[in-house]
């Protein structure tokens, strides 16, 4: 059988971004309420925005 469990780890990179304090505070509250990390929320927000942007 070829049903082996495969662990995938996406490649990550560290970047520093400057964000408005109010935006970070709002995002921290949302992340806490949804029980996800702030990093995870930022990734999801960016992915959503990029999928829905009009070019």
C-alpha atoms as a PDB file:
ATOM      1  CA  UNK A   1       0.000   0.000   0.000  1.00  0.00           C
ATOM      2  CA  UNK A   2       1.119   3.564  -0.698  1.00  0.00           C
ATOM      3  CA  UNK A   3      -0.942   5.272   2.020  1.00  0.00           C
ATOM      4  CA  UNK A   4       1.970   6.611   4.019  1.00  0.00           C
ATOM      5  CA  UNK A   5       1.433   9.663   6.154  1.00  0.00           C
ATOM      6  CA  UNK A   6       3.434  12.565   4.755  1.00  0.00           C
ATOM      7  CA  UNK A   7       4.228  15.577   6.930  1.00  0.00           C
ATOM      8  CA  UNK A   8       4.440  18.772   4.914  1.00  0.00           C
ATOM      9  CA  UNK A   9       6.077  21.916   6.176  1.00  0.00           C
ATOM     10  CA  UNK A  10       5.663  25.033   4.043  1.00  0.00           C
ATOM     11  CA  UNK A  11       8.793  27.080   3.518  1.00  0.00           C
ATOM     12  CA  UNK A  12       8.695  30.203   5.653  1.00  0.00           C
ATOM     13  CA  UNK A  13      10.767  33.385   5.718  1.00  0.00           C
ATOM     14  CA  UNK A  14      11.040  36.088   8.361  1.00  0.00           C
ATOM     15  CA  UNK A  15      10.185  39.634   7.276  1.00  0.00           C
ATOM     16  CA  UNK A  16       9.669  42.809   9.252  1.00  0.00           C
ATOM     17  CA  UNK A  17       6.739  45.075   8.387  1.00  0.00           C
ATOM     18  CA  UNK A  18       5.698  48.347   9.952  1.00  0.00           C
ATOM     19  CA  UNK A  19       1.966  48.391  10.662  1.00  0.00           C
ATOM     20  CA  UNK A  20      -0.212  51.017  12.306  1.00  0.00           C
ATOM     21  CA  UNK A  21      -0.673  50.370  16.032  1.00  0.00           C
ATOM     22  CA  UNK A  22      -4.476  50.472  15.742  1.00  0.00           C
ATOM     23  CA  UNK A  23      -4.443  47.806  13.015  1.00  0.00           C
ATOM     24  CA  UNK A  24      -2.221  45.493  15.065  1.00  0.00           C
ATOM     25  CA  UNK A  25      -4.389  45.937  18.147  1.00  0.00           C
ATOM     26  CA  UNK A  26      -7.531  45.105  16.155  1.00  0.00           C
ATOM     27  CA  UNK A  27      -5.886  42.058  14.627  1.00  0.00           C
ATOM     28  CA  UNK A  28      -4.618  40.858  18.027  1.00  0.00           C
ATOM     29  CA  UNK A  29      -8.172  40.993  19.403  1.00  0.00           C
ATOM     30  CA  UNK A  30      -9.531  39.061  16.428  1.00  0.00           C
ATOM     31  CA  UNK A  31      -6.768  36.445  16.653  1.00  0.00           C
ATOM     32  CA  UNK A  32      -7.409  35.988  20.357  1.00  0.00           C
ATOM     33  CA  UNK A  33     -11.186  35.714  19.865  1.00  0.00           C
ATOM     34  CA  UNK A  34     -10.736  33.153  17.076  1.00  0.00           C
ATOM     35  CA  UNK A  35      -8.032  31.285  19.021  1.00  0.00           C
ATOM     36  CA  UNK A  36      -5.399  31.541  16.283  1.00  0.00           C
ATOM     37  CA  UNK A  37      -1.964  33.111  16.344  1.00  0.00           C
ATOM     38  CA  UNK A  38      -1.533  36.647  15.110  1.00  0.00           C
ATOM     39  CA  UNK A  39       0.882  35.284  12.509  1.00  0.00           C
ATOM     40  CA  UNK A  40      -1.755  32.851  11.242  1.00  0.00           C
ATOM     41  CA  UNK A  41      -4.339  35.637  11.010  1.00  0.00           C
ATOM     42  CA  UNK A  42      -1.948  37.877   9.057  1.00  0.00           C
ATOM     43  CA  UNK A  43      -1.243  35.045   6.598  1.00  0.00           C
ATOM     44  CA  UNK A  44      -4.959  34.398   6.100  1.00  0.00           C
ATOM     45  CA  UNK A  45      -5.719  38.100   5.630  1.00  0.00           C
ATOM     46  CA  UNK A  46      -2.946  38.466   3.045  1.00  0.00           C
ATOM     47  CA  UNK A  47      -4.039  35.337   1.156  1.00  0.00           C
ATOM     48  CA  UNK A  48      -7.662  36.517   1.106  1.00  0.00           C
ATOM     49  CA  UNK A  49      -6.688  39.986  -0.101  1.00  0.00           C
ATOM     50  CA  UNK A  50      -4.441  38.620  -2.857  1.00  0.00           C
ATOM     51  CA  UNK A  51      -7.133  36.194  -4.083  1.00  0.00           C
ATOM     52  CA  UNK A  52      -9.698  38.992  -4.241  1.00  0.00           C
ATOM     53  CA  UNK A  53      -7.661  41.907  -5.553  1.00  0.00           C
ATOM     54  CA  UNK A  54      -8.663  43.509  -8.825  1.00  0.00           C
ATOM     55  CA  UNK A  55      -5.670  44.010 -11.076  1.00  0.00           C
END
